[in-house]
Amino acid sequence: MNTPNPFPGMNPFLENHWPDVHAKLLVYIADQLSEALPGDLRTRTEEQITIRNPGGTRTRLRPDVGIYESWKDGVPPQWQPDKVRDGDGVDLASEPQIIVLDEERERWLKILDREDRLVSVIEVLSPTNKGGGFDDYRARCESHLAAGANLVEIDLLRGGRHAVSVPLESVVLPEGAYTLVCTSRVSRPLSREVYATALRDPLPTIRIPLREGEDDVVLALQPLIDRVYRLGRYWQEDFRETPGPALTEADAIWVADRIREAGLE
């Protein structure tokens, strides 16, 4: 079985699997851009790990080399220390508590020249960016802009707070607004290019700015999200409950109709 994305635009059920969707989408964006970039530019993925400590503090790490274990996506094994006893068999070591810290992994895409100068940054927002990690995300965006890079923010998530670099009240939103893309150009620091689409609309084809005097690179988002759905085999997942926040009654009926017509009930 291989079914296409039943939605003409963003598939709201993909939000249930965002870490995997996010990782795939960044790779597909990099692939599409690499085919069109000038010969002296290249794409690279940047990663930052944030560990939320028990007291609520956050530790940000940017590893040079990461070693990851397969159980990270499942249930971690429980380590227990060997008992230390004296000559009479009496325990000398107490049993520790095992506390697993929350880990948030953030990834974004960079366009660099041969001298590793930063040209543009593409951020695909995550729930963390729009929630508890909002301040960290905004600080990172400000650092991109301060470094003289163009910034493209792609928000495909309905939930969470408004996080992209444009005041929401200044944007003309379509009825049933869902996705928002915001481009900040180095050459026009006081303006923003915004693409806003509704649940029932295809995702936009956007312009990725490069260096001054160079043509923009065109990035078609809809084929990429369709590819994520298809190659991720997301038709195998549960479609009984749409991720929040709640849809309007009309949109909820429309979503249910798309699922039924695709045979995914």
C-alpha atoms as a PDB file:
ATOM      1  CA  MET A   1       0.000   0.000   0.000  1.00  0.00           C
ATOM      2  CA  ASN A   2       1.269   3.456  -0.904  1.00  0.00           C
ATOM      3  CA  THR A   3      -1.216   6.290  -0.511  1.00  0.00           C
ATOM      4  CA  PRO A   4      -0.569   9.963  -1.326  1.00  0.00           C
ATOM      5  CA  ASN A   5      -1.051  12.764   1.165  1.00  0.00           C
ATOM      6  CA  PRO A   6      -4.849  13.102   1.479  1.00  0.00           C
ATOM      7  CA  PHE A   7      -4.549  16.849   2.100  1.00  0.00           C
ATOM      8  CA  PRO A   8      -3.809  19.475  -0.583  1.00  0.00           C
ATOM      9  CA  GLY A   9      -1.557  21.348   1.849  1.00  0.00           C
ATOM     10  CA  MET A  10      -0.132  20.633   5.288  1.00  0.00           C
ATOM     11  CA  ASN A  11      -1.251  17.316   6.755  1.00  0.00           C
ATOM     12  CA  PRO A  12      -2.293  18.130  10.355  1.00  0.00           C
ATOM     13  CA  PHE A  13      -1.714  14.550  11.514  1.00  0.00           C
ATOM     14  CA  LEU A  14       2.008  14.888  10.793  1.00  0.00           C
ATOM     15  CA  GLU A  15       2.221  17.088  13.891  1.00  0.00           C
ATOM     16  CA  ASN A  16       1.818  13.895  15.971  1.00  0.00           C
ATOM     17  CA  HIS A  17       5.231  12.723  14.697  1.00  0.00           C
ATOM     18  CA  TRP A  18       7.076  16.043  14.499  1.00  0.00           C
ATOM     19  CA  PRO A  19      10.619  14.990  15.538  1.00  0.00           C
ATOM     20  CA  ASP A  20      10.769  12.504  12.654  1.00  0.00           C
ATOM     21  CA  VAL A  21       8.911  14.793  10.225  1.00  0.00           C
ATOM     22  CA  HIS A  22      11.195  17.701  11.131  1.00  0.00           C
ATOM     23  CA  ALA A  23      14.368  15.682  10.532  1.00  0.00           C
ATOM     24  CA  LYS A  24      13.153  14.366   7.162  1.00  0.00           C
ATOM     25  CA  LEU A  25      11.931  17.776   6.020  1.00  0.00           C
ATOM     26  CA  LEU A  26      15.286  19.447   6.703  1.00  0.00           C
ATOM     27  CA  VAL A  27      17.054  16.814   4.613  1.00  0.00           C
ATOM     28  CA  TYR A  28      14.613  17.229   1.722  1.00  0.00           C
ATOM     29  CA  ILE A  29      14.919  21.034   1.864  1.00  0.00           C
ATOM     30  CA  ALA A  30      18.709  20.739   1.772  1.00  0.00           C
ATOM     31  CA  ASP A  31      18.520  18.362  -1.200  1.00  0.00           C
ATOM     32  CA  GLN A  32      16.249  20.686  -3.185  1.00  0.00           C
ATOM     33  CA  LEU A  33      18.332  23.772  -2.441  1.00  0.00           C
ATOM     34  CA  SER A  34      21.620  22.044  -3.258  1.00  0.00           C
ATOM     35  CA  GLU A  35      20.407  21.372  -6.779  1.00  0.00           C
ATOM     36  CA  ALA A  36      19.904  25.108  -7.392  1.00  0.00           C
ATOM     37  CA  LEU A  37      22.617  26.903  -5.378  1.00  0.00           C
ATOM     38  CA  PRO A  38      25.575  28.646  -7.066  1.00  0.00           C
ATOM     39  CA  GLY A  39      28.620  26.419  -7.311  1.00  0.00           C
ATOM     40  CA  ASP A  40      30.476  28.012  -4.386  1.00  0.00           C
ATOM     41  CA  LEU A  41      27.624  27.640  -1.870  1.00  0.00           C
ATOM     42  CA  ARG A  42      26.548  24.585   0.092  1.00  0.00           C
ATOM     43  CA  THR A  43      23.987  23.550   2.703  1.00  0.00           C
ATOM     44  CA  ARG A  44      24.832  22.232   6.168  1.00  0.00           C
ATOM     45  CA  THR A  45      22.679  21.199   9.107  1.00  0.00           C
ATOM     46  CA  GLU A  46      23.404  22.720  12.518  1.00  0.00           C
ATOM     47  CA  GLU A  47      22.363  21.030  15.756  1.00  0.00           C
ATOM     48  CA  GLN A  48      21.977  22.148  19.342  1.00  0.00           C
ATOM     49  CA  ILE A  49      20.989  19.983  22.300  1.00  0.00           C
ATOM     50  CA  THR A  50      19.223  21.561  25.248  1.00  0.00           C
ATOM     51  CA  ILE A  51      19.013  19.588  28.487  1.00  0.00           C
ATOM     52  CA  ARG A  52      16.263  20.602  30.893  1.00  0.00           C
ATOM     53  CA  ASN A  53      17.580  20.090  34.415  1.00  0.00           C
ATOM     54  CA  PRO A  54      15.320  19.049  37.336  1.00  0.00           C
ATOM     55  CA  GLY A  55      15.414  22.573  38.813  1.00  0.00           C
ATOM     56  CA  GLY A  56      14.053  24.062  35.587  1.00  0.00           C
ATOM     57  CA  THR A  57      17.398  25.392  34.325  1.00  0.00           C
ATOM     58  CA  ARG A  58      18.486  24.658  30.771  1.00  0.00           C
ATOM     59  CA  THR A  59      21.922  23.610  29.540  1.00  0.00           C
ATOM     60  CA  ARG A  60      22.648  24.202  25.842  1.00  0.00           C
ATOM     61  CA  LEU A  61      25.215  22.035  24.124  1.00  0.00           C
ATOM     62  CA  ARG A  62      26.513  22.051  20.564  1.00  0.00           C
ATOM     63  CA  PRO A  63      28.464  18.810  20.176  1.00  0.00           C
ATOM     64  CA  ASP A  64      31.369  18.293  17.780  1.00  0.00           C
ATOM     65  CA  VAL A  65      30.733  14.542  17.811  1.00  0.00           C
ATOM     66  CA  GLY A  66      27.566  12.839  19.040  1.00  0.00           C
ATOM     67  CA  ILE A  67      27.252   9.212  20.100  1.00  0.00           C
ATOM     68  CA  TYR A  68      23.651   8.077  20.217  1.00  0.00           C
ATOM     69  CA  GLU A  69      22.133   4.815  21.409  1.00  0.00           C
ATOM     70  CA  SER A  70      19.217   3.057  19.783  1.00  0.00           C
ATOM     71  CA  TRP A  71      17.204   2.888  23.016  1.00  0.00           C
ATOM     72  CA  LYS A  72      16.895   6.697  23.079  1.00  0.00           C
ATOM     73  CA  ASP A  73      13.611   6.452  21.206  1.00  0.00           C
ATOM     74  CA  GLY A  74      12.299   3.713  23.459  1.00  0.00           C
ATOM     75  CA  VAL A  75      12.495   2.777  27.104  1.00  0.00           C
ATOM     76  CA  PRO A  76      16.004   3.277  28.525  1.00  0.00           C
ATOM     77  CA  PRO A  77      17.571   0.437  30.450  1.00  0.00           C
ATOM     78  CA  GLN A  78      17.742   0.843  34.197  1.00  0.00           C
ATOM     79  CA  TRP A  79      21.317   0.837  35.452  1.00  0.00           C
ATOM     80  CA  GLN A  80      21.908  -0.447  38.952  1.00  0.00           C
ATOM     81  CA  PRO A  81      25.295  -0.286  40.679  1.00  0.00           C
ATOM     82  CA  ASP A  82      26.984  -3.391  42.028  1.00  0.00           C
ATOM     83  CA  LYS A  83      26.601  -3.674  45.770  1.00  0.00           C
ATOM     84  CA  VAL A  84      29.738  -2.882  47.765  1.00  0.00           C
ATOM     85  CA  ARG A  85      30.027  -4.934  50.970  1.00  0.00           C
ATOM     86  CA  ASP A  86      32.514  -5.115  53.816  1.00  0.00           C
ATOM     87  CA  GLY A  87      34.076  -8.329  55.081  1.00  0.00           C
ATOM     88  CA  ASP A  88      30.962  -9.168  57.094  1.00  0.00           C
ATOM     89  CA  GLY A  89      28.671  -8.785  54.061  1.00  0.00           C
ATOM     90  CA  VAL A  90      27.223  -5.419  55.161  1.00  0.00           C
ATOM     91  CA  ASP A  91      26.304  -2.965  52.383  1.00  0.00           C
ATOM     92  CA  LEU A  92      28.590   0.083  52.293  1.00  0.00           C
ATOM     93  CA  ALA A  93      27.038   1.877  49.281  1.00  0.00           C
ATOM     94  CA  SER A  94      23.512   3.267  49.115  1.00  0.00           C
ATOM     95  CA  GLU A  95      21.328   2.789  46.048  1.00  0.00           C
ATOM     96  CA  PRO A  96      21.096   6.021  43.969  1.00  0.00           C
ATOM     97  CA  GLN A  97      17.977   7.323  42.304  1.00  0.00           C
ATOM     98  CA  ILE A  98      18.100   7.136  38.492  1.00  0.00           C
ATOM     99  CA  ILE A  99      16.866  10.434  36.986  1.00  0.00           C
ATOM    100  CA  VAL A 100      16.619  10.824  33.207  1.00  0.00           C
ATOM    101  CA  LEU A 101      16.882  14.474  32.121  1.00  0.00           C
ATOM    102  CA  ASP A 102      14.665  15.834  29.356  1.00  0.00           C
ATOM    103  CA  GLU A 103      16.611  16.453  26.155  1.00  0.00           C
ATOM    104  CA  GLU A 104      15.487  18.788  23.382  1.00  0.00           C
ATOM    105  CA  ARG A 105      17.284  18.495  20.055  1.00  0.00           C
ATOM    106  CA  GLU A 106      17.110  21.530  17.767  1.00  0.00           C
ATOM    107  CA  ARG A 107      18.211  21.470  14.129  1.00  0.00           C
ATOM    108  CA  TRP A 108      18.329  24.143  11.451  1.00  0.00           C
ATOM    109  CA  LEU A 109      19.795  24.528   7.974  1.00  0.00           C
ATOM    110  CA  LYS A 110      22.618  26.866   6.945  1.00  0.00           C
ATOM    111  CA  ILE A 111      23.812  28.021   3.540  1.00  0.00           C
ATOM    112  CA  LEU A 112      27.565  28.720   3.586  1.00  0.00           C
ATOM    113  CA  ASP A 113      30.165  29.850   1.091  1.00  0.00           C
ATOM    114  CA  ARG A 114      33.572  28.215   0.570  1.00  0.00           C
ATOM    115  CA  GLU A 115      35.091  30.261   3.398  1.00  0.00           C
ATOM    116  CA  ASP A 116      32.326  29.095   5.758  1.00  0.00           C
ATOM    117  CA  ARG A 117      30.742  32.530   5.786  1.00  0.00           C
ATOM    118  CA  LEU A 118      27.073  32.320   6.702  1.00  0.00           C
ATOM    119  CA  VAL A 119      24.766  33.412   3.860  1.00  0.00           C
ATOM    120  CA  SER A 120      21.269  32.250   4.873  1.00  0.00           C
ATOM    121  CA  VAL A 121      19.568  30.227   7.597  1.00  0.00           C
ATOM    122  CA  ILE A 122      16.370  28.162   7.259  1.00  0.00           C
ATOM    123  CA  GLU A 123      14.529  27.412  10.489  1.00  0.00           C
ATOM    124  CA  VAL A 124      11.677  24.872  10.497  1.00  0.00           C
ATOM    125  CA  LEU A 125       9.914  25.560  13.777  1.00  0.00           C
ATOM    126  CA  SER A 126       9.307  22.857  16.375  1.00  0.00           C
ATOM    127  CA  PRO A 127       6.846  22.768  19.304  1.00  0.00           C
ATOM    128  CA  THR A 128       9.783  23.659  21.578  1.00  0.00           C
ATOM    129  CA  ASN A 129      10.427  26.867  19.605  1.00  0.00           C
ATOM    130  CA  LYS A 130       6.778  27.862  20.138  1.00  0.00           C
ATOM    131  CA  GLY A 131       6.659  26.773  23.769  1.00  0.00           C
ATOM    132  CA  GLY A 132       9.210  26.442  26.560  1.00  0.00           C
ATOM    133  CA  GLY A 133      12.151  27.150  24.249  1.00  0.00           C
ATOM    134  CA  PHE A 134      10.682  30.363  22.801  1.00  0.00           C
ATOM    135  CA  ASP A 135      13.290  32.681  24.334  1.00  0.00           C
ATOM    136  CA  ASP A 136      16.160  30.457  23.163  1.00  0.00           C
ATOM    137  CA  TYR A 137      14.696  30.341  19.665  1.00  0.00           C
ATOM    138  CA  ARG A 138      14.267  34.113  19.418  1.00  0.00           C
ATOM    139  CA  ALA A 139      17.831  34.637  20.682  1.00  0.00           C
ATOM    140  CA  ARG A 140      19.134  32.247  18.025  1.00  0.00           C
ATOM    141  CA  CYS A 141      17.236  34.090  15.283  1.00  0.00           C
ATOM    142  CA  GLU A 142      18.618  37.411  16.484  1.00  0.00           C
ATOM    143  CA  SER A 143      22.127  35.953  16.385  1.00  0.00           C
ATOM    144  CA  HIS A 144      21.585  34.806  12.776  1.00  0.00           C
ATOM    145  CA  LEU A 145      20.508  38.308  11.769  1.00  0.00           C
ATOM    146  CA  ALA A 146      23.323  39.948  13.737  1.00  0.00           C
ATOM    147  CA  ALA A 147      25.776  37.727  11.843  1.00  0.00           C
ATOM    148  CA  GLY A 148      24.563  39.252   8.574  1.00  0.00           C
ATOM    149  CA  ALA A 149      22.600  36.195   7.410  1.00  0.00           C
ATOM    150  CA  ASN A 150      19.246  36.078   5.688  1.00  0.00           C
ATOM    151  CA  LEU A 151      16.672  34.229   7.808  1.00  0.00           C
ATOM    152  CA  VAL A 152      13.761  32.091   6.590  1.00  0.00           C
ATOM    153  CA  GLU A 153      11.369  30.808   9.282  1.00  0.00           C
ATOM    154  CA  ILE A 154       8.917  28.062   8.298  1.00  0.00           C
ATOM    155  CA  ASP A 155       6.097  27.454  10.788  1.00  0.00           C
ATOM    156  CA  LEU A 156       3.952  24.458   9.831  1.00  0.00           C
ATOM    157  CA  LEU A 157       2.456  23.949  13.307  1.00  0.00           C
ATOM    158  CA  ARG A 158      -0.931  25.253  14.471  1.00  0.00           C
ATOM    159  CA  GLY A 159      -0.249  25.003  18.190  1.00  0.00           C
ATOM    160  CA  GLY A 160       1.969  27.103  20.446  1.00  0.00           C
ATOM    161  CA  ARG A 161       2.691  30.807  20.544  1.00  0.00           C
ATOM    162  CA  HIS A 162       3.502  33.023  17.603  1.00  0.00           C
ATOM    163  CA  ALA A 163       7.292  32.838  17.187  1.00  0.00           C
ATOM    164  CA  VAL A 164       8.407  34.095  13.759  1.00  0.00           C
ATOM    165  CA  SER A 165      10.057  37.491  13.255  1.00  0.00           C
ATOM    166  CA  VAL A 166       7.014  39.541  12.292  1.00  0.00           C
ATOM    167  CA  PRO A 167       4.206  40.970  14.482  1.00  0.00           C
ATOM    168  CA  LEU A 168       1.179  38.740  13.995  1.00  0.00           C
ATOM    169  CA  GLU A 169      -1.195  41.705  14.054  1.00  0.00           C
ATOM    170  CA  SER A 170       0.525  43.105  10.941  1.00  0.00           C
ATOM    171  CA  VAL A 171      -0.144  39.969   8.864  1.00  0.00           C
ATOM    172  CA  VAL A 172      -3.295  39.531   6.777  1.00  0.00           C
ATOM    173  CA  LEU A 173      -4.282  35.959   7.606  1.00  0.00           C
ATOM    174  CA  PRO A 174      -6.610  33.846   5.465  1.00  0.00           C
ATOM    175  CA  GLU A 175      -9.665  32.247   7.025  1.00  0.00           C
ATOM    176  CA  GLY A 176      -8.603  29.031   8.717  1.00  0.00           C
ATOM    177  CA  ALA A 177      -4.956  30.193   8.771  1.00  0.00           C
ATOM    178  CA  TYR A 178      -2.508  27.363   9.427  1.00  0.00           C
ATOM    179  CA  THR A 179       1.064  27.826   8.156  1.00  0.00           C
ATOM    180  CA  LEU A 180       3.242  30.924   8.220  1.00  0.00           C
ATOM    181  CA  VAL A 181       6.588  31.555   6.522  1.00  0.00           C
ATOM    182  CA  CYS A 182       8.623  34.694   7.244  1.00  0.00           C
ATOM    183  CA  THR A 183      11.750  35.812   5.369  1.00  0.00           C
ATOM    184  CA  SER A 184      14.119  38.452   6.774  1.00  0.00           C
ATOM    185  CA  ARG A 185      16.588  39.784   4.209  1.00  0.00           C
ATOM    186  CA  VAL A 186      19.904  41.380   5.131  1.00  0.00           C
ATOM    187  CA  SER A 187      19.403  43.890   2.301  1.00  0.00           C
ATOM    188  CA  ARG A 188      16.011  45.016   3.716  1.00  0.00           C
ATOM    189  CA  PRO A 189      16.311  44.804   7.513  1.00  0.00           C
ATOM    190  CA  LEU A 190      13.080  46.708   8.223  1.00  0.00           C
ATOM    191  CA  SER A 191      10.779  44.597   6.047  1.00  0.00           C
ATOM    192  CA  ARG A 192       9.550  41.012   6.128  1.00  0.00           C
ATOM    193  CA  GLU A 193       8.241  38.747   3.369  1.00  0.00           C
ATOM    194  CA  VAL A 194       5.350  36.674   4.683  1.00  0.00           C
ATOM    195  CA  TYR A 195       3.499  33.699   3.217  1.00  0.00           C
ATOM    196  CA  ALA A 196       0.316  32.727   5.097  1.00  0.00           C
ATOM    197  CA  THR A 197      -1.785  29.741   4.038  1.00  0.00           C
ATOM    198  CA  ALA A 198      -4.959  28.104   5.281  1.00  0.00           C
ATOM    199  CA  LEU A 199      -5.545  24.463   6.167  1.00  0.00           C
ATOM    200  CA  ARG A 200      -7.226  23.784   2.828  1.00  0.00           C
ATOM    201  CA  ASP A 201      -4.577  25.535   0.703  1.00  0.00           C
ATOM    202  CA  PRO A 202      -1.362  24.100  -0.786  1.00  0.00           C
ATOM    203  CA  LEU A 203       1.839  25.126   0.929  1.00  0.00           C
ATOM    204  CA  PRO A 204       3.596  28.052  -0.772  1.00  0.00           C
ATOM    205  CA  THR A 205       6.575  28.057  -3.078  1.00  0.00           C
ATOM    206  CA  ILE A 206       8.926  30.510  -1.388  1.00  0.00           C
ATOM    207  CA  ARG A 207      12.058  32.503  -2.240  1.00  0.00           C
ATOM    208  CA  ILE A 208      15.309  31.813  -0.389  1.00  0.00           C
ATOM    209  CA  PRO A 209      17.573  34.903  -0.528  1.00  0.00           C
ATOM    210  CA  LEU A 210      21.301  34.494  -1.034  1.00  0.00           C
ATOM    211  CA  ARG A 211      23.997  37.158  -1.393  1.00  0.00           C
ATOM    212  CA  GLU A 212      23.334  40.676  -2.584  1.00  0.00           C
ATOM    213  CA  GLY A 213      22.967  40.762  -6.358  1.00  0.00           C
ATOM    214  CA  GLU A 214      22.274  37.014  -6.660  1.00  0.00           C
ATOM    215  CA  ASP A 215      18.954  35.557  -7.753  1.00  0.00           C
ATOM    216  CA  ASP A 216      16.824  33.941  -5.077  1.00  0.00           C
ATOM    217  CA  VAL A 217      16.522  30.165  -4.966  1.00  0.00           C
ATOM    218  CA  VAL A 218      12.964  28.858  -5.217  1.00  0.00           C
ATOM    219  CA  LEU A 219      11.838  26.309  -2.621  1.00  0.00           C
ATOM    220  CA  ALA A 220       8.563  24.431  -3.233  1.00  0.00           C
ATOM    221  CA  LEU A 221       7.306  23.253   0.149  1.00  0.00           C
ATOM    222  CA  GLN A 222       4.273  21.208  -0.906  1.00  0.00           C
ATOM    223  CA  PRO A 223       6.156  18.458  -2.787  1.00  0.00           C
ATOM    224  CA  LEU A 224       8.467  18.113   0.213  1.00  0.00           C
ATOM    225  CA  ILE A 225       5.715  17.618   2.794  1.00  0.00           C
ATOM    226  CA  ASP A 226       4.040  15.159   0.395  1.00  0.00           C
ATOM    227  CA  ARG A 227       7.333  13.277   0.170  1.00  0.00           C
ATOM    228  CA  VAL A 228       7.666  13.211   3.957  1.00  0.00           C
ATOM    229  CA  TYR A 229       4.196  11.670   4.207  1.00  0.00           C
ATOM    230  CA  ARG A 230       4.827   9.122   1.468  1.00  0.00           C
ATOM    231  CA  LEU A 231       8.340   7.968   2.358  1.00  0.00           C
ATOM    232  CA  GLY A 232       7.604   8.071   6.084  1.00  0.00           C
ATOM    233  CA  ARG A 233       4.614   5.766   5.425  1.00  0.00           C
ATOM    234  CA  TYR A 234       2.458   7.886   7.665  1.00  0.00           C
ATOM    235  CA  TRP A 235      -0.699   6.373   6.206  1.00  0.00           C
ATOM    236  CA  GLN A 236      -0.004   3.523   8.654  1.00  0.00           C
ATOM    237  CA  GLU A 237      -0.564   5.804  11.669  1.00  0.00           C
ATOM    238  CA  ASP A 238      -3.685   6.569  13.729  1.00  0.00           C
ATOM    239  CA  PHE A 239      -6.017   9.156  12.155  1.00  0.00           C
ATOM    240  CA  ARG A 240      -8.769   9.061  14.765  1.00  0.00           C
ATOM    241  CA  GLU A 241      -7.797  12.272  16.576  1.00  0.00           C
ATOM    242  CA  THR A 242      -6.560  15.510  14.997  1.00  0.00           C
ATOM    243  CA  PRO A 243      -3.757  17.230  16.953  1.00  0.00           C
ATOM    244  CA  GLY A 244      -4.833  20.332  18.876  1.00  0.00           C
ATOM    245  CA  PRO A 245      -5.750  23.108  19.067  1.00  0.00           C
ATOM    246  CA  ALA A 246      -9.340  22.318  18.114  1.00  0.00           C
ATOM    247  CA  LEU A 247     -10.385  23.011  14.537  1.00  0.00           C
ATOM    248  CA  THR A 248     -13.477  24.978  13.613  1.00  0.00           C
ATOM    249  CA  GLU A 249     -16.515  22.807  13.023  1.00  0.00           C
ATOM    250  CA  ALA A 250     -16.322  23.331   9.259  1.00  0.00           C
ATOM    251  CA  ASP A 251     -12.611  22.462   9.106  1.00  0.00           C
ATOM    252  CA  ALA A 252     -13.105  19.414  11.363  1.00  0.00           C
ATOM    253  CA  ILE A 253     -15.765  18.102   8.971  1.00  0.00           C
ATOM    254  CA  TRP A 254     -13.484  18.805   6.005  1.00  0.00           C
ATOM    255  CA  VAL A 255     -10.590  16.912   7.638  1.00  0.00           C
ATOM    256  CA  ALA A 256     -12.845  13.955   8.442  1.00  0.00           C
ATOM    257  CA  ASP A 257     -14.018  13.875   4.817  1.00  0.00           C
ATOM    258  CA  ARG A 258     -10.401  13.803   3.545  1.00  0.00           C
ATOM    259  CA  ILE A 259      -9.557  10.913   5.874  1.00  0.00           C
ATOM    260  CA  ARG A 260     -12.659   8.933   4.917  1.00  0.00           C
ATOM    261  CA  GLU A 261     -12.118   9.432   1.183  1.00  0.00           C
ATOM    262  CA  ALA A 262      -8.524   8.225   1.555  1.00  0.00           C
ATOM    263  CA  GLY A 263      -9.701   5.071   3.359  1.00  0.00           C
ATOM    264  CA  LEU A 264      -7.752   5.975   6.519  1.00  0.00           C
ATOM    265  CA  GLU A 265     -10.584   5.879   9.058  1.00  0.00           C
END
